[in-house]
N, C-alpha and C. Protein backbone atom coordinates (compact mmCIF):
# COMPACT_ATOMS: atom_id res chain seq x y z
N MET A 1 -44.43 -29.15 -0.31
CA MET A 1 -44.18 -27.76 0.05
C MET A 1 -43.00 -27.67 1.02
N ARG A 2 -42.96 -28.60 1.96
CA ARG A 2 -41.91 -28.60 2.95
C ARG A 2 -40.56 -28.85 2.29
N THR A 3 -40.52 -29.72 1.29
CA THR A 3 -39.29 -30.03 0.56
C THR A 3 -38.78 -28.81 -0.18
N ILE A 4 -39.68 -28.08 -0.80
CA ILE A 4 -39.30 -26.87 -1.54
C ILE A 4 -38.73 -25.84 -0.58
N THR A 5 -39.39 -25.67 0.55
CA THR A 5 -38.91 -24.71 1.56
C THR A 5 -37.53 -25.09 2.07
N THR A 6 -37.33 -26.36 2.32
CA THR A 6 -36.03 -26.84 2.79
C THR A 6 -34.95 -26.60 1.74
N CYS A 7 -35.29 -26.90 0.50
CA CYS A 7 -34.33 -26.68 -0.60
C CYS A 7 -33.98 -25.21 -0.73
N LEU A 8 -34.97 -24.34 -0.60
CA LEU A 8 -34.72 -22.91 -0.68
C LEU A 8 -33.84 -22.43 0.47
N LEU A 9 -34.09 -22.92 1.64
CA LEU A 9 -33.28 -22.54 2.81
C LEU A 9 -31.83 -22.98 2.62
N ILE A 10 -31.64 -24.18 2.12
CA ILE A 10 -30.28 -24.68 1.86
C ILE A 10 -29.59 -23.84 0.79
N ALA A 11 -30.34 -23.50 -0.25
CA ALA A 11 -29.78 -22.68 -1.33
C ALA A 11 -29.37 -21.31 -0.81
N PHE A 12 -30.21 -20.68 0.00
CA PHE A 12 -29.87 -19.37 0.57
C PHE A 12 -28.68 -19.46 1.52
N ALA A 13 -28.61 -20.54 2.29
CA ALA A 13 -27.48 -20.73 3.20
C ALA A 13 -26.18 -20.86 2.40
N CYS A 14 -26.22 -21.63 1.32
CA CYS A 14 -25.02 -21.79 0.47
C CYS A 14 -24.63 -20.46 -0.17
N LEU A 15 -25.61 -19.70 -0.62
CA LEU A 15 -25.35 -18.41 -1.22
C LEU A 15 -24.72 -17.45 -0.21
N SER A 16 -25.25 -17.45 1.00
CA SER A 16 -24.69 -16.59 2.06
C SER A 16 -23.26 -16.97 2.38
N LEU A 17 -23.01 -18.27 2.45
CA LEU A 17 -21.66 -18.76 2.73
C LEU A 17 -20.71 -18.36 1.61
N SER A 18 -21.18 -18.46 0.38
CA SER A 18 -20.37 -18.09 -0.77
C SER A 18 -20.01 -16.61 -0.74
N VAL A 19 -20.97 -15.77 -0.41
CA VAL A 19 -20.73 -14.33 -0.32
C VAL A 19 -19.73 -14.04 0.79
N SER A 20 -19.85 -14.71 1.93
CA SER A 20 -18.93 -14.51 3.05
C SER A 20 -17.51 -14.93 2.68
N VAL A 21 -17.38 -16.06 2.03
CA VAL A 21 -16.06 -16.56 1.63
C VAL A 21 -15.43 -15.61 0.62
N SER A 22 -16.21 -15.11 -0.35
CA SER A 22 -15.65 -14.20 -1.35
C SER A 22 -15.25 -12.88 -0.69
N GLY A 23 -15.98 -12.45 0.32
CA GLY A 23 -15.62 -11.23 1.05
C GLY A 23 -14.30 -11.39 1.78
N VAL A 24 -14.08 -12.54 2.38
CA VAL A 24 -12.82 -12.84 3.07
C VAL A 24 -11.68 -12.89 2.06
N ALA A 25 -11.93 -13.51 0.92
CA ALA A 25 -10.90 -13.60 -0.12
C ALA A 25 -10.52 -12.22 -0.63
N LYS A 26 -11.50 -11.34 -0.80
CA LYS A 26 -11.20 -9.97 -1.25
C LYS A 26 -10.40 -9.22 -0.20
N ALA A 27 -10.73 -9.40 1.07
CA ALA A 27 -9.99 -8.73 2.14
C ALA A 27 -8.54 -9.22 2.18
N GLU A 28 -8.35 -10.53 2.00
CA GLU A 28 -6.99 -11.08 1.98
C GLU A 28 -6.21 -10.55 0.78
N GLU A 29 -6.88 -10.46 -0.36
CA GLU A 29 -6.22 -9.95 -1.57
C GLU A 29 -5.82 -8.49 -1.38
N LYS A 30 -6.68 -7.70 -0.75
CA LYS A 30 -6.37 -6.29 -0.50
C LYS A 30 -5.18 -6.17 0.44
N ALA A 31 -5.12 -7.03 1.46
CA ALA A 31 -4.00 -7.00 2.40
C ALA A 31 -2.69 -7.35 1.70
N LYS A 32 -2.75 -8.24 0.72
CA LYS A 32 -1.56 -8.63 -0.01
C LYS A 32 -1.05 -7.52 -0.91
N LYS A 33 -1.92 -6.61 -1.33
CA LYS A 33 -1.55 -5.56 -2.25
C LYS A 33 -0.84 -4.39 -1.58
N LYS A 34 -0.69 -4.41 -0.27
CA LYS A 34 0.02 -3.33 0.40
C LYS A 34 1.46 -3.30 -0.10
N PRO A 35 1.94 -2.12 -0.44
CA PRO A 35 3.30 -2.04 -0.98
C PRO A 35 4.35 -2.43 0.06
N ASP A 36 5.38 -3.09 -0.40
CA ASP A 36 6.49 -3.50 0.44
C ASP A 36 7.59 -2.44 0.29
N PRO A 37 7.89 -1.70 1.36
CA PRO A 37 8.88 -0.63 1.25
C PRO A 37 10.25 -1.12 0.80
N ALA A 38 10.66 -2.29 1.23
CA ALA A 38 11.98 -2.81 0.86
C ALA A 38 12.04 -3.10 -0.64
N LYS A 39 10.98 -3.70 -1.18
CA LYS A 39 10.96 -4.00 -2.61
C LYS A 39 10.91 -2.71 -3.43
N MET A 40 10.10 -1.77 -2.97
CA MET A 40 10.01 -0.49 -3.67
C MET A 40 11.36 0.22 -3.66
N PHE A 41 12.01 0.20 -2.50
CA PHE A 41 13.31 0.86 -2.36
C PHE A 41 14.33 0.24 -3.31
N GLU A 42 14.38 -1.06 -3.31
CA GLU A 42 15.33 -1.77 -4.18
C GLU A 42 15.09 -1.45 -5.65
N LYS A 43 13.83 -1.38 -6.02
CA LYS A 43 13.46 -1.10 -7.41
C LYS A 43 13.82 0.33 -7.81
N LYS A 44 13.63 1.28 -6.91
CA LYS A 44 13.85 2.69 -7.22
C LYS A 44 15.31 3.13 -7.07
N ASP A 45 16.09 2.43 -6.27
CA ASP A 45 17.49 2.81 -6.03
C ASP A 45 18.33 2.44 -7.25
N ALA A 46 18.27 3.30 -8.27
CA ALA A 46 18.89 3.01 -9.57
C ALA A 46 20.39 2.83 -9.49
N ASP A 47 21.07 3.64 -8.67
CA ASP A 47 22.53 3.54 -8.62
C ASP A 47 23.04 2.58 -7.54
N GLY A 48 22.10 2.02 -6.75
CA GLY A 48 22.47 1.01 -5.76
C GLY A 48 23.28 1.52 -4.59
N ASP A 49 23.20 2.83 -4.31
CA ASP A 49 23.99 3.40 -3.22
C ASP A 49 23.34 3.27 -1.85
N GLY A 50 22.12 2.73 -1.80
CA GLY A 50 21.44 2.55 -0.52
C GLY A 50 20.61 3.74 -0.10
N PHE A 51 20.45 4.70 -1.01
CA PHE A 51 19.65 5.89 -0.74
C PHE A 51 18.83 6.23 -1.98
N LEU A 52 17.70 6.88 -1.76
CA LEU A 52 16.89 7.37 -2.87
C LEU A 52 17.03 8.87 -2.98
N THR A 53 17.28 9.35 -4.18
CA THR A 53 17.27 10.78 -4.44
C THR A 53 15.86 11.15 -4.90
N LEU A 54 15.60 12.44 -5.00
CA LEU A 54 14.30 12.89 -5.47
C LEU A 54 14.04 12.37 -6.89
N ASP A 55 15.06 12.42 -7.73
CA ASP A 55 14.89 11.93 -9.11
C ASP A 55 14.58 10.43 -9.14
N GLU A 56 15.24 9.66 -8.28
CA GLU A 56 14.96 8.22 -8.23
C GLU A 56 13.54 7.96 -7.74
N LEU A 57 13.11 8.75 -6.76
CA LEU A 57 11.75 8.57 -6.24
C LEU A 57 10.71 8.92 -7.31
N LYS A 58 10.97 9.95 -8.08
CA LYS A 58 10.04 10.40 -9.11
C LYS A 58 9.91 9.41 -10.28
N LYS A 59 10.95 8.63 -10.51
CA LYS A 59 10.95 7.73 -11.67
C LYS A 59 9.74 6.79 -11.63
N GLY A 60 9.00 6.80 -12.71
CA GLY A 60 7.82 5.95 -12.83
C GLY A 60 6.54 6.59 -12.32
N MET A 61 6.64 7.78 -11.73
CA MET A 61 5.44 8.47 -11.24
C MET A 61 4.80 9.26 -12.38
N LYS A 62 3.49 9.42 -12.30
CA LYS A 62 2.75 10.20 -13.29
C LYS A 62 1.70 11.03 -12.59
N GLY A 63 1.27 12.06 -13.26
CA GLY A 63 0.13 12.86 -12.81
C GLY A 63 0.26 13.40 -11.41
N LYS A 64 -0.77 13.17 -10.60
CA LYS A 64 -0.82 13.73 -9.25
C LYS A 64 0.28 13.18 -8.36
N GLN A 65 0.66 11.93 -8.59
CA GLN A 65 1.77 11.36 -7.81
C GLN A 65 3.02 12.19 -8.03
N LEU A 66 3.28 12.52 -9.27
CA LEU A 66 4.47 13.29 -9.62
C LEU A 66 4.41 14.70 -9.05
N GLU A 67 3.22 15.28 -9.06
CA GLU A 67 3.04 16.64 -8.52
C GLU A 67 3.37 16.70 -7.03
N GLY A 68 3.04 15.66 -6.28
CA GLY A 68 3.29 15.65 -4.84
C GLY A 68 4.61 15.01 -4.45
N ALA A 69 5.45 14.69 -5.41
CA ALA A 69 6.68 13.95 -5.12
C ALA A 69 7.64 14.73 -4.23
N GLU A 70 7.79 16.03 -4.47
CA GLU A 70 8.73 16.81 -3.66
C GLU A 70 8.29 16.89 -2.20
N LYS A 71 7.00 17.11 -1.98
CA LYS A 71 6.48 17.15 -0.60
C LYS A 71 6.67 15.81 0.08
N ARG A 72 6.35 14.74 -0.66
CA ARG A 72 6.50 13.40 -0.10
C ARG A 72 7.96 13.12 0.24
N PHE A 73 8.86 13.53 -0.66
CA PHE A 73 10.29 13.31 -0.44
C PHE A 73 10.75 14.04 0.82
N LYS A 74 10.32 15.28 0.98
CA LYS A 74 10.72 16.06 2.17
C LYS A 74 10.20 15.41 3.45
N ARG A 75 8.98 14.86 3.39
CA ARG A 75 8.42 14.18 4.58
C ARG A 75 9.22 12.92 4.90
N LEU A 76 9.61 12.19 3.85
CA LEU A 76 10.35 10.95 4.07
C LEU A 76 11.77 11.20 4.55
N ASP A 77 12.40 12.27 4.07
CA ASP A 77 13.79 12.60 4.41
C ASP A 77 13.86 13.18 5.82
N ALA A 78 13.76 12.30 6.80
CA ALA A 78 13.67 12.71 8.19
C ALA A 78 14.88 13.49 8.68
N ASP A 79 16.06 13.12 8.23
CA ASP A 79 17.26 13.82 8.72
C ASP A 79 17.66 15.00 7.84
N GLY A 80 16.93 15.24 6.76
CA GLY A 80 17.16 16.41 5.93
C GLY A 80 18.46 16.41 5.13
N ASP A 81 19.00 15.23 4.86
CA ASP A 81 20.28 15.16 4.13
C ASP A 81 20.11 15.12 2.61
N GLY A 82 18.87 15.24 2.12
CA GLY A 82 18.63 15.27 0.69
C GLY A 82 18.52 13.91 0.04
N LYS A 83 18.47 12.87 0.86
CA LYS A 83 18.29 11.52 0.34
C LYS A 83 17.51 10.71 1.36
N VAL A 84 16.84 9.66 0.87
CA VAL A 84 15.98 8.84 1.73
C VAL A 84 16.59 7.45 1.87
N SER A 85 16.80 7.04 3.11
CA SER A 85 17.32 5.70 3.38
C SER A 85 16.16 4.72 3.46
N LEU A 86 16.46 3.44 3.46
CA LEU A 86 15.43 2.42 3.59
C LEU A 86 14.68 2.59 4.91
N GLU A 87 15.41 2.90 5.97
CA GLU A 87 14.78 3.09 7.29
C GLU A 87 13.79 4.26 7.26
N GLU A 88 14.18 5.35 6.59
CA GLU A 88 13.28 6.50 6.49
C GLU A 88 12.04 6.14 5.67
N LEU A 89 12.23 5.38 4.61
CA LEU A 89 11.10 4.96 3.79
C LEU A 89 10.15 4.07 4.59
N LYS A 90 10.71 3.11 5.34
CA LYS A 90 9.88 2.23 6.17
C LYS A 90 9.12 3.04 7.21
N ALA A 91 9.78 4.02 7.82
CA ALA A 91 9.11 4.86 8.82
C ALA A 91 7.97 5.65 8.17
N GLY A 92 8.20 6.12 6.96
CA GLY A 92 7.15 6.84 6.23
C GLY A 92 5.96 5.96 5.92
N PHE A 93 6.22 4.71 5.54
CA PHE A 93 5.13 3.76 5.29
C PHE A 93 4.39 3.46 6.59
N ALA A 94 5.13 3.30 7.67
CA ALA A 94 4.50 2.99 8.96
C ALA A 94 3.62 4.13 9.43
N ALA A 95 4.03 5.37 9.12
CA ALA A 95 3.24 6.54 9.52
C ALA A 95 2.02 6.70 8.64
N GLY A 96 1.96 5.93 7.55
CA GLY A 96 0.81 5.99 6.67
C GLY A 96 0.73 7.26 5.85
N GLY A 97 1.87 7.87 5.61
CA GLY A 97 1.89 9.08 4.79
C GLY A 97 1.43 10.32 5.54
N GLN A 98 1.34 10.24 6.87
CA GLN A 98 0.90 11.39 7.65
C GLN A 98 1.98 12.46 7.63
N LYS A 99 1.53 13.70 7.67
CA LYS A 99 2.46 14.82 7.67
C LYS A 99 3.15 14.93 9.02
N LYS A 100 4.39 15.40 8.99
CA LYS A 100 5.10 15.64 10.23
C LYS A 100 4.46 16.81 10.96
N LYS A 101 4.44 16.75 12.29
CA LYS A 101 3.93 17.86 13.07
C LYS A 101 4.98 18.95 13.12
N LYS A 102 4.55 20.18 12.97
CA LYS A 102 5.49 21.31 13.05
C LYS A 102 5.74 21.65 14.51
N ASP A 103 6.99 21.97 14.82
CA ASP A 103 7.34 22.31 16.21
C ASP A 103 6.89 23.71 16.55
């Protein structure tokens, strides 16, 4: 009886460890999936001028993403020049997509 109990305890300990390790692996995988603003910028900057236009930003978007593209573009375009620089895009990612406060 004692042997069976010991075996069961070891089995549960291994199972718990396995669940913990898989949870850590999932968390690491999720962290890796965060979009890289520089890579996204490079991919979307079709004409290579160092800025994103609204049309370039919209390219590849569908559905609800496309519907909110103009609002997102206006939030990202911090200086209001009608185009988004890499720095503005990085700042937008750092803000986590939060809306600008109105003065």
